[in-house]
Amino acid sequence: MSPMGVFGGTFDPIHYGHLRMAFEMLQALRFGEVRFMPCGNPPHRDTPHADAALRLEMVRVATEAQHGFVVDDRELQRKGPSYSVDTLSTLRLEFPLHPIGLIIGMDAFLSLPKWYHWREILQLAHIVVAHRPGWRAPDMGPLGELLVDRGTHRIGDLHQATAGHIYIHDVTQLEISSSDIRENVAMGCDARFLLPDAVRDVIDRSSCYAQLQNDETED
């Protein structure tokens, strides 16, 4: 049974960096699908600028043409903070025998000990870390110990077990950030070639980034 990739984020907005990473994971790790899960109330980030309905629409139009890309809005439907462990718990109940791989960036992996009930995540899913140049996997501390205990270089391990492994995968580096896109759009610049035209159309039609505060954070 092919693993299900779970890719969460605010997607404010979704762009080619997100899409290329998910596509490479889908192909290289032989995922049956990658589920894009827009975050409702991110516990470790500022409140998204675009509302939930717009971000969901942007993800849907960005992914609809790619076989294997699925949009899952369960985090937007749930009240309270969008904790990964809670989302994975609902998926595990729905797919009890299915391998699940939580896709995160190396920056998120390095902050994993700050996540809510983070040690429970590997009971529910594999962790698939997207590695980009300039980031180094830890070899000391709780994450270093976790990599020694749970790390694998075998894609087959992600298929043969439903959860419990950590796999680090190199992905293409695309220097695109949602915060830069928001800032550029707010200044009247065109975001063409940074994100799909269908997403650009949603942004232009809704004017969701026309008025921004000067408190942008990189994402």
N, C-alpha and C. Protein backbone atom coordinates (compact mmCIF):
# COMPACT_ATOMS: atom_id res chain seq x y z
N MET A 1 0.85 -1.19 0.00
CA MET A 1 0.00 0.00 0.00
C MET A 1 0.88 1.25 0.00
N SER A 2 0.71 2.11 -0.99
CA SER A 2 1.55 3.31 -1.09
C SER A 2 1.24 4.30 0.02
N PRO A 3 2.27 4.94 0.57
CA PRO A 3 2.03 5.91 1.64
C PRO A 3 1.25 7.12 1.15
N MET A 4 0.55 7.72 2.07
CA MET A 4 -0.14 8.99 1.85
C MET A 4 0.74 10.10 2.41
N GLY A 5 1.10 11.06 1.57
CA GLY A 5 1.83 12.22 2.05
C GLY A 5 0.87 13.26 2.59
N VAL A 6 1.21 13.88 3.70
CA VAL A 6 0.39 14.93 4.31
C VAL A 6 1.24 16.19 4.36
N PHE A 7 0.78 17.22 3.66
CA PHE A 7 1.54 18.46 3.52
C PHE A 7 0.68 19.61 4.02
N GLY A 8 0.96 20.07 5.22
CA GLY A 8 0.20 21.16 5.81
C GLY A 8 0.92 22.49 5.69
N GLY A 9 0.16 23.55 5.78
CA GLY A 9 0.74 24.89 5.74
C GLY A 9 -0.35 25.93 5.68
N THR A 10 0.01 27.18 5.90
CA THR A 10 -0.98 28.23 5.76
C THR A 10 -1.33 28.45 4.29
N PHE A 11 -0.34 28.23 3.40
CA PHE A 11 -0.55 28.43 1.96
C PHE A 11 -1.18 29.80 1.71
N ASP A 12 -0.43 30.82 2.13
CA ASP A 12 -0.96 32.20 2.17
C ASP A 12 -0.06 33.15 1.36
N PRO A 13 0.10 32.94 0.03
CA PRO A 13 -0.59 31.95 -0.81
C PRO A 13 0.30 30.74 -1.11
N ILE A 14 -0.31 29.70 -1.68
CA ILE A 14 0.44 28.57 -2.19
C ILE A 14 1.23 29.03 -3.42
N HIS A 15 2.45 28.48 -3.59
CA HIS A 15 3.29 28.91 -4.71
C HIS A 15 4.06 27.71 -5.27
N TYR A 16 4.91 27.99 -6.28
CA TYR A 16 5.60 26.90 -6.96
C TYR A 16 6.61 26.18 -6.06
N GLY A 17 7.11 26.84 -5.02
CA GLY A 17 7.99 26.16 -4.09
C GLY A 17 7.27 25.03 -3.38
N HIS A 18 6.04 25.30 -2.92
CA HIS A 18 5.22 24.25 -2.30
C HIS A 18 4.92 23.14 -3.29
N LEU A 19 4.50 23.52 -4.48
CA LEU A 19 4.03 22.55 -5.46
C LEU A 19 5.17 21.67 -5.96
N ARG A 20 6.32 22.26 -6.21
CA ARG A 20 7.45 21.46 -6.70
C ARG A 20 7.92 20.47 -5.63
N MET A 21 7.98 20.91 -4.38
CA MET A 21 8.40 20.00 -3.31
C MET A 21 7.44 18.83 -3.20
N ALA A 22 6.14 19.10 -3.21
CA ALA A 22 5.15 18.03 -3.11
C ALA A 22 5.23 17.09 -4.30
N PHE A 23 5.46 17.63 -5.49
CA PHE A 23 5.55 16.80 -6.69
C PHE A 23 6.77 15.88 -6.63
N GLU A 24 7.90 16.42 -6.17
CA GLU A 24 9.10 15.59 -6.05
C GLU A 24 8.90 14.48 -5.02
N MET A 25 8.24 14.78 -3.91
CA MET A 25 7.94 13.76 -2.91
C MET A 25 7.01 12.69 -3.49
N LEU A 26 5.99 13.13 -4.20
CA LEU A 26 5.03 12.21 -4.81
C LEU A 26 5.74 11.21 -5.70
N GLN A 27 6.66 11.70 -6.53
CA GLN A 27 7.34 10.83 -7.49
C GLN A 27 8.46 10.00 -6.84
N ALA A 28 9.36 10.67 -6.15
CA ALA A 28 10.56 9.99 -5.65
C ALA A 28 10.25 8.97 -4.56
N LEU A 29 9.29 9.28 -3.70
CA LEU A 29 8.98 8.39 -2.58
C LEU A 29 7.81 7.46 -2.89
N ARG A 30 7.30 7.56 -4.11
CA ARG A 30 6.22 6.69 -4.59
C ARG A 30 4.99 6.78 -3.68
N PHE A 31 4.64 8.01 -3.32
CA PHE A 31 3.41 8.23 -2.56
C PHE A 31 2.20 7.94 -3.45
N GLY A 32 1.17 7.38 -2.86
CA GLY A 32 -0.07 7.21 -3.60
C GLY A 32 -0.75 8.53 -3.85
N GLU A 33 -0.60 9.45 -2.90
CA GLU A 33 -1.15 10.79 -3.02
C GLU A 33 -0.44 11.71 -2.05
N VAL A 34 -0.52 13.00 -2.31
CA VAL A 34 -0.08 14.01 -1.35
C VAL A 34 -1.30 14.87 -1.03
N ARG A 35 -1.65 14.93 0.26
CA ARG A 35 -2.80 15.71 0.71
C ARG A 35 -2.33 17.09 1.18
N PHE A 36 -2.82 18.11 0.50
CA PHE A 36 -2.55 19.48 0.92
C PHE A 36 -3.59 19.86 1.97
N MET A 37 -3.11 20.28 3.15
CA MET A 37 -4.01 20.61 4.25
C MET A 37 -3.78 22.06 4.70
N PRO A 38 -4.59 22.97 4.17
CA PRO A 38 -4.47 24.36 4.65
C PRO A 38 -4.75 24.43 6.15
N CYS A 39 -3.89 25.16 6.84
CA CYS A 39 -3.99 25.26 8.29
C CYS A 39 -5.03 26.30 8.68
N GLY A 40 -5.85 25.96 9.66
CA GLY A 40 -6.88 26.89 10.12
C GLY A 40 -6.32 27.93 11.06
N ASN A 41 -5.82 27.50 12.21
CA ASN A 41 -5.27 28.39 13.23
C ASN A 41 -3.88 27.91 13.60
N PRO A 42 -2.85 28.36 12.86
CA PRO A 42 -1.50 27.86 13.10
C PRO A 42 -1.00 28.26 14.48
N PRO A 43 -0.59 27.29 15.33
CA PRO A 43 -0.18 27.63 16.68
C PRO A 43 1.18 28.31 16.76
N HIS A 44 2.02 28.16 15.72
CA HIS A 44 3.38 28.70 15.78
C HIS A 44 3.59 29.86 14.80
N ARG A 45 2.51 30.36 14.22
CA ARG A 45 2.65 31.43 13.23
C ARG A 45 1.60 32.50 13.49
N ASP A 46 1.78 33.64 12.80
CA ASP A 46 0.77 34.69 12.87
C ASP A 46 -0.49 34.25 12.13
N THR A 47 -1.58 34.93 12.43
CA THR A 47 -2.84 34.64 11.74
C THR A 47 -2.67 34.89 10.25
N PRO A 48 -3.12 33.96 9.40
CA PRO A 48 -2.99 34.16 7.95
C PRO A 48 -3.68 35.45 7.49
N HIS A 49 -3.15 36.03 6.42
CA HIS A 49 -3.72 37.28 5.90
C HIS A 49 -4.98 36.99 5.08
N ALA A 50 -4.93 36.00 4.21
CA ALA A 50 -6.12 35.62 3.44
C ALA A 50 -6.99 34.72 4.30
N ASP A 51 -8.31 34.85 4.16
CA ASP A 51 -9.18 34.04 5.00
C ASP A 51 -9.18 32.58 4.54
N ALA A 52 -9.79 31.73 5.34
CA ALA A 52 -9.73 30.29 5.11
C ALA A 52 -10.32 29.91 3.75
N ALA A 53 -11.44 30.51 3.39
CA ALA A 53 -12.09 30.17 2.13
C ALA A 53 -11.21 30.51 0.94
N LEU A 54 -10.54 31.64 0.98
CA LEU A 54 -9.67 32.04 -0.13
C LEU A 54 -8.44 31.15 -0.21
N ARG A 55 -7.84 30.84 0.92
CA ARG A 55 -6.65 29.98 0.90
C ARG A 55 -7.01 28.58 0.40
N LEU A 56 -8.17 28.09 0.79
CA LEU A 56 -8.62 26.80 0.30
C LEU A 56 -8.85 26.84 -1.21
N GLU A 57 -9.46 27.91 -1.69
CA GLU A 57 -9.68 28.05 -3.13
C GLU A 57 -8.36 28.09 -3.88
N MET A 58 -7.38 28.81 -3.34
CA MET A 58 -6.08 28.91 -4.00
C MET A 58 -5.40 27.53 -4.08
N VAL A 59 -5.49 26.76 -3.00
CA VAL A 59 -4.89 25.42 -3.02
C VAL A 59 -5.62 24.53 -4.03
N ARG A 60 -6.92 24.64 -4.08
CA ARG A 60 -7.68 23.80 -5.00
C ARG A 60 -7.35 24.10 -6.46
N VAL A 61 -7.30 25.37 -6.81
CA VAL A 61 -7.02 25.70 -8.22
C VAL A 61 -5.57 25.39 -8.58
N ALA A 62 -4.67 25.44 -7.59
CA ALA A 62 -3.26 25.17 -7.85
C ALA A 62 -2.99 23.68 -8.07
N THR A 63 -3.79 22.82 -7.46
CA THR A 63 -3.50 21.38 -7.45
C THR A 63 -4.42 20.56 -8.34
N GLU A 64 -5.50 21.14 -8.84
CA GLU A 64 -6.54 20.34 -9.47
C GLU A 64 -6.08 19.60 -10.73
N ALA A 65 -5.06 20.07 -11.41
CA ALA A 65 -4.63 19.44 -12.66
C ALA A 65 -3.60 18.33 -12.45
N GLN A 66 -3.10 18.17 -11.23
CA GLN A 66 -2.04 17.18 -10.99
C GLN A 66 -2.61 15.91 -10.37
N HIS A 67 -2.48 14.80 -11.08
CA HIS A 67 -2.92 13.51 -10.54
C HIS A 67 -2.10 13.18 -9.29
N GLY A 68 -2.78 12.77 -8.23
CA GLY A 68 -2.11 12.43 -6.99
C GLY A 68 -2.11 13.55 -5.97
N PHE A 69 -2.48 14.76 -6.38
CA PHE A 69 -2.62 15.86 -5.44
C PHE A 69 -4.08 15.90 -4.96
N VAL A 70 -4.27 15.93 -3.65
CA VAL A 70 -5.59 15.93 -3.04
C VAL A 70 -5.66 17.09 -2.06
N VAL A 71 -6.80 17.74 -1.97
CA VAL A 71 -7.00 18.83 -1.02
C VAL A 71 -7.88 18.34 0.12
N ASP A 72 -7.44 18.58 1.35
CA ASP A 72 -8.15 18.12 2.54
C ASP A 72 -8.36 19.34 3.45
N ASP A 73 -9.61 19.68 3.72
CA ASP A 73 -9.90 20.91 4.48
C ASP A 73 -10.24 20.65 5.94
N ARG A 74 -9.86 19.50 6.48
CA ARG A 74 -10.29 19.16 7.85
C ARG A 74 -9.77 20.15 8.89
N GLU A 75 -8.59 20.72 8.69
CA GLU A 75 -8.09 21.67 9.68
C GLU A 75 -8.87 22.97 9.65
N LEU A 76 -9.39 23.33 8.50
CA LEU A 76 -10.20 24.55 8.41
C LEU A 76 -11.57 24.36 9.05
N GLN A 77 -12.02 23.11 9.10
CA GLN A 77 -13.33 22.81 9.67
C GLN A 77 -13.28 22.70 11.20
N ARG A 78 -12.08 22.48 11.75
CA ARG A 78 -11.95 22.25 13.19
C ARG A 78 -11.66 23.55 13.92
N LYS A 79 -12.29 23.77 15.04
CA LYS A 79 -12.05 24.94 15.85
C LYS A 79 -10.81 24.73 16.71
N GLY A 80 -10.21 25.83 17.12
CA GLY A 80 -9.03 25.75 17.96
C GLY A 80 -7.75 25.65 17.15
N PRO A 81 -6.60 25.57 17.84
CA PRO A 81 -5.31 25.50 17.14
C PRO A 81 -5.21 24.25 16.26
N SER A 82 -4.51 24.40 15.13
CA SER A 82 -4.34 23.28 14.19
C SER A 82 -3.07 22.51 14.55
N TYR A 83 -3.17 21.64 15.52
CA TYR A 83 -2.02 20.83 15.93
C TYR A 83 -1.89 19.62 15.01
N SER A 84 -0.65 19.36 14.56
CA SER A 84 -0.42 18.24 13.65
C SER A 84 -0.81 16.91 14.27
N VAL A 85 -0.57 16.75 15.55
CA VAL A 85 -0.88 15.47 16.20
C VAL A 85 -2.38 15.21 16.17
N ASP A 86 -3.20 16.24 16.29
CA ASP A 86 -4.65 16.06 16.23
C ASP A 86 -5.09 15.69 14.82
N THR A 87 -4.52 16.37 13.83
CA THR A 87 -4.86 16.07 12.43
C THR A 87 -4.47 14.65 12.09
N LEU A 88 -3.28 14.24 12.48
CA LEU A 88 -2.82 12.88 12.18
C LEU A 88 -3.67 11.84 12.91
N SER A 89 -4.15 12.18 14.09
CA SER A 89 -5.01 11.24 14.83
C SER A 89 -6.30 10.98 14.06
N THR A 90 -6.88 12.04 13.47
CA THR A 90 -8.11 11.84 12.70
C THR A 90 -7.84 11.04 11.43
N LEU A 91 -6.70 11.27 10.81
CA LEU A 91 -6.34 10.50 9.62
C LEU A 91 -6.11 9.03 9.96
N ARG A 92 -5.47 8.80 11.09
CA ARG A 92 -5.18 7.42 11.49
C ARG A 92 -6.47 6.65 11.77
N LEU A 93 -7.45 7.33 12.34
CA LEU A 93 -8.75 6.69 12.56
C LEU A 93 -9.43 6.36 11.22
N GLU A 94 -9.26 7.24 10.27
CA GLU A 94 -9.89 7.08 8.96
C GLU A 94 -9.16 6.04 8.11
N PHE A 95 -7.83 5.99 8.26
CA PHE A 95 -7.00 5.07 7.47
C PHE A 95 -6.10 4.26 8.40
N PRO A 96 -6.65 3.32 9.15
CA PRO A 96 -5.89 2.64 10.21
C PRO A 96 -4.71 1.81 9.71
N LEU A 97 -4.75 1.32 8.49
CA LEU A 97 -3.70 0.44 7.98
C LEU A 97 -2.84 1.11 6.92
N HIS A 98 -3.02 2.37 6.71
CA HIS A 98 -2.36 3.08 5.61
C HIS A 98 -1.08 3.77 6.10
N PRO A 99 0.06 3.57 5.42
CA PRO A 99 1.25 4.36 5.77
C PRO A 99 0.99 5.85 5.51
N ILE A 100 1.38 6.68 6.45
CA ILE A 100 1.21 8.12 6.33
C ILE A 100 2.57 8.79 6.54
N GLY A 101 2.89 9.74 5.68
CA GLY A 101 4.13 10.49 5.80
C GLY A 101 3.85 11.97 5.96
N LEU A 102 4.19 12.54 7.11
CA LEU A 102 4.03 13.97 7.35
C LEU A 102 5.22 14.70 6.72
N ILE A 103 4.95 15.54 5.74
CA ILE A 103 5.99 16.26 5.01
C ILE A 103 6.23 17.61 5.68
N ILE A 104 7.48 17.84 6.10
CA ILE A 104 7.83 19.13 6.71
C ILE A 104 9.20 19.55 6.20
N GLY A 105 9.49 20.83 6.31
CA GLY A 105 10.81 21.34 5.95
C GLY A 105 11.81 21.11 7.07
N MET A 106 13.10 21.22 6.73
CA MET A 106 14.13 21.03 7.75
C MET A 106 14.01 22.07 8.85
N ASP A 107 13.59 23.30 8.51
CA ASP A 107 13.43 24.32 9.55
C ASP A 107 12.36 23.91 10.55
N ALA A 108 11.26 23.34 10.04
CA ALA A 108 10.20 22.87 10.94
C ALA A 108 10.68 21.68 11.76
N PHE A 109 11.46 20.80 11.14
CA PHE A 109 11.96 19.63 11.86
C PHE A 109 12.86 20.06 13.02
N LEU A 110 13.69 21.07 12.81
CA LEU A 110 14.58 21.53 13.86
C LEU A 110 13.82 22.12 15.04
N SER A 111 12.58 22.57 14.80
CA SER A 111 11.76 23.12 15.89
C SER A 111 10.77 22.09 16.43
N LEU A 112 10.88 20.84 15.99
CA LEU A 112 9.92 19.81 16.36
C LEU A 112 9.71 19.67 17.87
N PRO A 113 10.76 19.75 18.70
CA PRO A 113 10.53 19.61 20.16
C PRO A 113 9.61 20.68 20.75
N LYS A 114 9.34 21.75 20.01
CA LYS A 114 8.42 22.78 20.50
C LYS A 114 6.97 22.48 20.11
N TRP A 115 6.76 21.46 19.28
CA TRP A 115 5.41 21.14 18.81
C TRP A 115 4.61 20.48 19.94
N TYR A 116 3.32 20.62 19.85
CA TYR A 116 2.39 20.04 20.82
C TYR A 116 2.43 18.50 20.71
N HIS A 117 2.75 17.85 21.82
CA HIS A 117 2.81 16.38 21.89
C HIS A 117 3.63 15.80 20.73
N TRP A 118 4.80 16.37 20.52
CA TRP A 118 5.57 16.03 19.32
C TRP A 118 6.04 14.58 19.29
N ARG A 119 6.28 13.99 20.43
CA ARG A 119 6.76 12.60 20.44
C ARG A 119 5.67 11.61 19.99
N GLU A 120 4.42 12.05 20.04
CA GLU A 120 3.33 11.16 19.61
C GLU A 120 3.20 11.09 18.09
N ILE A 121 3.81 12.04 17.39
CA ILE A 121 3.64 12.10 15.94
C ILE A 121 4.15 10.83 15.27
N LEU A 122 5.29 10.30 15.73
CA LEU A 122 5.84 9.10 15.11
C LEU A 122 5.05 7.84 15.43
N GLN A 123 4.15 7.92 16.38
CA GLN A 123 3.22 6.80 16.60
C GLN A 123 2.10 6.80 15.57
N LEU A 124 1.91 7.94 14.92
CA LEU A 124 0.81 8.11 13.97
C LEU A 124 1.27 8.14 12.52
N ALA A 125 2.52 8.55 12.28
CA ALA A 125 2.98 8.76 10.90
C ALA A 125 4.50 8.68 10.84
N HIS A 126 5.01 8.55 9.63
CA HIS A 126 6.42 8.82 9.37
C HIS A 126 6.60 10.33 9.28
N ILE A 127 7.81 10.79 9.49
CA ILE A 127 8.15 12.19 9.24
C ILE A 127 9.08 12.23 8.04
N VAL A 128 8.68 12.94 7.01
CA VAL A 128 9.48 13.08 5.79
C VAL A 128 9.97 14.52 5.74
N VAL A 129 11.29 14.69 5.83
CA VAL A 129 11.87 16.02 5.93
C VAL A 129 12.41 16.45 4.57
N ALA A 130 11.94 17.59 4.09
CA ALA A 130 12.43 18.15 2.83
C ALA A 130 13.71 18.92 3.12
N HIS A 131 14.81 18.40 2.59
CA HIS A 131 16.12 18.99 2.88
C HIS A 131 16.55 19.89 1.73
N ARG A 132 16.96 21.11 2.08
CA ARG A 132 17.46 22.06 1.10
C ARG A 132 18.89 22.44 1.44
N PRO A 133 19.67 22.88 0.46
CA PRO A 133 21.06 23.30 0.74
C PRO A 133 21.10 24.36 1.83
N GLY A 134 22.11 24.25 2.69
CA GLY A 134 22.28 25.22 3.76
C GLY A 134 21.73 24.77 5.10
N TRP A 135 20.92 23.70 5.11
CA TRP A 135 20.39 23.16 6.35
C TRP A 135 21.10 21.85 6.67
N ARG A 136 21.37 21.64 7.93
CA ARG A 136 22.06 20.42 8.36
C ARG A 136 21.20 19.69 9.38
N ALA A 137 21.06 18.39 9.17
CA ALA A 137 20.30 17.58 10.13
C ALA A 137 21.06 17.53 11.45
N PRO A 138 20.38 17.60 12.58
CA PRO A 138 21.05 17.58 13.87
C PRO A 138 21.67 16.23 14.16
N ASP A 139 22.82 16.23 14.84
CA ASP A 139 23.45 14.97 15.25
C ASP A 139 23.60 14.88 16.77
N MET A 140 23.04 15.85 17.48
CA MET A 140 23.08 15.85 18.94
C MET A 140 21.71 16.24 19.48
N GLY A 141 21.52 16.10 20.77
CA GLY A 141 20.27 16.50 21.40
C GLY A 141 19.15 15.52 21.10
N PRO A 142 17.91 15.88 21.47
CA PRO A 142 16.79 14.96 21.30
C PRO A 142 16.53 14.60 19.84
N LEU A 143 16.73 15.55 18.91
CA LEU A 143 16.50 15.24 17.50
C LEU A 143 17.61 14.35 16.94
N GLY A 144 18.83 14.58 17.37
CA GLY A 144 19.93 13.72 16.96
C GLY A 144 19.71 12.29 17.42
N GLU A 145 19.27 12.14 18.66
CA GLU A 145 18.97 10.81 19.19
C GLU A 145 17.80 10.18 18.44
N LEU A 146 16.81 11.00 18.10
CA LEU A 146 15.65 10.50 17.37
C LEU A 146 16.04 10.01 15.98
N LEU A 147 16.95 10.72 15.32
CA LEU A 147 17.40 10.31 13.99
C LEU A 147 18.18 9.01 14.05
N VAL A 148 18.97 8.83 15.09
CA VAL A 148 19.70 7.57 15.25
C VAL A 148 18.73 6.42 15.44
N ASP A 149 17.70 6.67 16.22
CA ASP A 149 16.73 5.62 16.56
C ASP A 149 15.72 5.36 15.45
N ARG A 150 15.27 6.43 14.79
CA ARG A 150 14.15 6.29 13.84
C ARG A 150 14.51 6.63 12.40
N GLY A 151 15.69 7.18 12.16
CA GLY A 151 16.06 7.57 10.81
C GLY A 151 16.25 6.38 9.88
N THR A 152 15.90 6.57 8.61
CA THR A 152 16.09 5.52 7.62
C THR A 152 16.49 6.15 6.29
N HIS A 153 17.23 5.38 5.49
CA HIS A 153 17.58 5.79 4.13
C HIS A 153 16.84 4.94 3.11
N ARG A 154 15.95 4.08 3.57
CA ARG A 154 15.22 3.16 2.70
C ARG A 154 13.79 3.64 2.47
N ILE A 155 13.49 3.94 1.22
CA ILE A 155 12.12 4.34 0.87
C ILE A 155 11.15 3.21 1.23
N GLY A 156 11.60 1.98 1.09
CA GLY A 156 10.74 0.84 1.39
C GLY A 156 10.22 0.83 2.81
N ASP A 157 10.99 1.40 3.74
CA ASP A 157 10.52 1.45 5.13
C ASP A 157 9.27 2.30 5.27
N LEU A 158 9.13 3.31 4.42
CA LEU A 158 7.94 4.17 4.46
C LEU A 158 6.71 3.45 3.93
N HIS A 159 6.93 2.40 3.15
CA HIS A 159 5.83 1.63 2.58
C HIS A 159 5.46 0.43 3.45
N GLN A 160 6.44 -0.11 4.14
CA GLN A 160 6.22 -1.37 4.87
C GLN A 160 5.66 -1.16 6.26
N ALA A 161 5.89 0.01 6.85
CA ALA A 161 5.33 0.33 8.17
C ALA A 161 4.36 1.48 8.04
N THR A 162 3.37 1.54 8.91
CA THR A 162 2.39 2.61 8.83
C THR A 162 2.90 3.92 9.42
N ALA A 163 3.91 3.85 10.29
CA ALA A 163 4.42 5.04 10.97
C ALA A 163 5.77 4.70 11.59
N GLY A 164 6.45 5.72 12.14
CA GLY A 164 7.59 5.47 12.99
C GLY A 164 8.96 5.79 12.44
N HIS A 165 9.09 6.10 11.14
CA HIS A 165 10.40 6.38 10.56
C HIS A 165 10.56 7.86 10.23
N ILE A 166 11.82 8.29 10.18
CA ILE A 166 12.16 9.64 9.72
C ILE A 166 13.02 9.49 8.46
N TYR A 167 12.59 10.13 7.40
CA TYR A 167 13.31 10.04 6.12
C TYR A 167 13.60 11.46 5.66
N ILE A 168 14.86 11.74 5.34
CA ILE A 168 15.27 13.06 4.85
C ILE A 168 15.49 12.97 3.35
N HIS A 169 14.82 13.85 2.61
CA HIS A 169 14.87 13.79 1.15
C HIS A 169 15.28 15.14 0.58
N ASP A 170 16.28 15.13 -0.29
CA ASP A 170 16.72 16.36 -0.95
C ASP A 170 15.68 16.82 -1.96
N VAL A 171 15.35 18.10 -1.93
CA VAL A 171 14.39 18.66 -2.89
C VAL A 171 15.02 19.87 -3.57
N THR A 172 14.46 20.22 -4.72
CA THR A 172 14.94 21.36 -5.47
C THR A 172 14.71 22.66 -4.69
N GLN A 173 15.74 23.47 -4.64
CA GLN A 173 15.64 24.74 -3.93
C GLN A 173 15.03 25.80 -4.84
N LEU A 174 13.86 26.28 -4.49
CA LEU A 174 13.23 27.40 -5.19
C LEU A 174 13.08 28.54 -4.19
N GLU A 175 13.78 29.62 -4.45
CA GLU A 175 13.79 30.74 -3.50
C GLU A 175 12.52 31.58 -3.66
N ILE A 176 11.40 31.00 -3.25
CA ILE A 176 10.11 31.69 -3.31
C ILE A 176 9.51 31.65 -1.91
N SER A 177 8.97 32.74 -1.44
CA SER A 177 8.31 32.74 -0.14
C SER A 177 6.96 33.41 -0.25
N SER A 178 6.00 32.92 0.51
CA SER A 178 4.67 33.51 0.53
C SER A 178 4.71 34.95 1.02
N SER A 179 5.55 35.23 2.00
CA SER A 179 5.60 36.59 2.53
C SER A 179 6.11 37.57 1.48
N ASP A 180 7.10 37.17 0.68
CA ASP A 180 7.59 38.05 -0.40
C ASP A 180 6.49 38.29 -1.43
N ILE A 181 5.74 37.23 -1.76
CA ILE A 181 4.65 37.39 -2.72
C ILE A 181 3.62 38.38 -2.18
N ARG A 182 3.23 38.21 -0.92
CA ARG A 182 2.24 39.14 -0.33
C ARG A 182 2.74 40.58 -0.39
N GLU A 183 4.00 40.77 -0.03
CA GLU A 183 4.56 42.12 -0.01
C GLU A 183 4.60 42.72 -1.42
N ASN A 184 5.01 41.90 -2.39
CA ASN A 184 5.10 42.39 -3.76
C ASN A 184 3.72 42.75 -4.30
N VAL A 185 2.74 41.89 -4.02
CA VAL A 185 1.38 42.16 -4.48
C VAL A 185 0.85 43.44 -3.85
N ALA A 186 1.12 43.63 -2.56
CA ALA A 186 0.66 44.83 -1.87
C ALA A 186 1.26 46.09 -2.47
N MET A 187 2.48 45.97 -3.04
CA MET A 187 3.14 47.13 -3.67
C MET A 187 2.73 47.29 -5.13
N GLY A 188 1.84 46.40 -5.61
CA GLY A 188 1.36 46.52 -6.98
C GLY A 188 2.16 45.74 -7.99
N CYS A 189 3.09 44.88 -7.53
CA CYS A 189 3.88 44.08 -8.45
C CYS A 189 3.11 42.83 -8.88
N ASP A 190 3.48 42.29 -10.02
CA ASP A 190 2.83 41.11 -10.57
C ASP A 190 3.54 39.86 -10.08
N ALA A 191 2.78 38.88 -9.55
CA ALA A 191 3.36 37.65 -9.01
C ALA A 191 3.47 36.54 -10.06
N ARG A 192 3.30 36.88 -11.32
CA ARG A 192 3.39 35.87 -12.38
C ARG A 192 4.73 35.14 -12.32
N PHE A 193 4.67 33.82 -12.57
CA PHE A 193 5.81 32.90 -12.59
C PHE A 193 6.33 32.54 -11.19
N LEU A 194 5.72 33.10 -10.14
CA LEU A 194 6.03 32.66 -8.77
C LEU A 194 4.99 31.65 -8.28
N LEU A 195 3.83 31.69 -8.91
CA LEU A 195 2.73 30.81 -8.53
C LEU A 195 1.86 30.58 -9.77
N PRO A 196 1.00 29.57 -9.73
CA PRO A 196 0.15 29.30 -10.89
C PRO A 196 -0.74 30.49 -11.23
N ASP A 197 -1.03 30.65 -12.52
CA ASP A 197 -1.88 31.76 -12.95
C ASP A 197 -3.26 31.71 -12.29
N ALA A 198 -3.76 30.50 -12.03
CA ALA A 198 -5.08 30.38 -11.41
C ALA A 198 -5.06 30.95 -9.99
N VAL A 199 -3.96 30.78 -9.28
CA VAL A 199 -3.82 31.35 -7.93
C VAL A 199 -3.70 32.86 -8.03
N ARG A 200 -2.92 33.32 -9.00
CA ARG A 200 -2.76 34.76 -9.23
C ARG A 200 -4.11 35.41 -9.52
N ASP A 201 -4.96 34.71 -10.26
CA ASP A 201 -6.28 35.25 -10.57
C ASP A 201 -7.13 35.39 -9.30
N VAL A 202 -7.05 34.41 -8.41
CA VAL A 202 -7.79 34.50 -7.14
C VAL A 202 -7.32 35.70 -6.32
N ILE A 203 -6.01 35.89 -6.28
CA ILE A 203 -5.45 37.02 -5.53
C ILE A 203 -5.90 38.35 -6.12
N ASP A 204 -5.83 38.45 -7.46
CA ASP A 204 -6.22 39.70 -8.12
C ASP A 204 -7.71 39.98 -7.93
N ARG A 205 -8.52 38.94 -8.06
CA ARG A 205 -9.97 39.13 -7.95
C ARG A 205 -10.40 39.53 -6.54
N SER A 206 -9.75 38.93 -5.54
CA SER A 206 -10.17 39.15 -4.15
C SER A 206 -9.49 40.34 -3.48
N SER A 207 -8.34 40.78 -4.05
CA SER A 207 -7.53 41.85 -3.43
C SER A 207 -7.17 41.51 -1.98
N CYS A 208 -6.93 40.23 -1.72
CA CYS A 208 -6.72 39.78 -0.33
C CYS A 208 -5.42 40.28 0.28
N TYR A 209 -4.47 40.70 -0.56
CA TYR A 209 -3.19 41.18 -0.01
C TYR A 209 -3.00 42.67 -0.30
N ALA A 210 -4.06 43.36 -0.62
CA ALA A 210 -3.94 44.77 -0.96
C ALA A 210 -3.51 45.62 0.23
N GLN A 211 -4.01 45.27 1.40
CA GLN A 211 -3.67 46.03 2.60
C GLN A 211 -2.95 45.13 3.59
N LEU A 212 -1.66 45.32 3.75
CA LEU A 212 -0.87 44.49 4.66
C LEU A 212 -0.20 45.36 5.72
N GLN A 213 -0.03 44.77 6.90
CA GLN A 213 0.75 45.41 7.95
C GLN A 213 2.23 45.16 7.67
N ASN A 214 3.07 45.87 8.35
CA ASN A 214 4.52 45.72 8.15
C ASN A 214 5.12 44.73 9.15
N ASP A 215 4.38 43.64 9.38
CA ASP A 215 4.88 42.64 10.34
C ASP A 215 5.05 41.31 9.67
N GLU A 216 5.41 41.32 8.39
CA GLU A 216 5.54 40.08 7.63
C GLU A 216 6.64 39.19 8.24
N THR A 217 6.39 37.87 8.22
CA THR A 217 7.39 36.89 8.61
C THR A 217 7.59 35.94 7.46
N GLU A 218 8.80 35.44 7.31
CA GLU A 218 9.14 34.54 6.20
C GLU A 218 8.41 33.23 6.33
N ASP A 219 7.91 32.67 5.20
CA ASP A 219 7.33 31.34 5.21
C ASP A 219 7.53 30.66 3.87
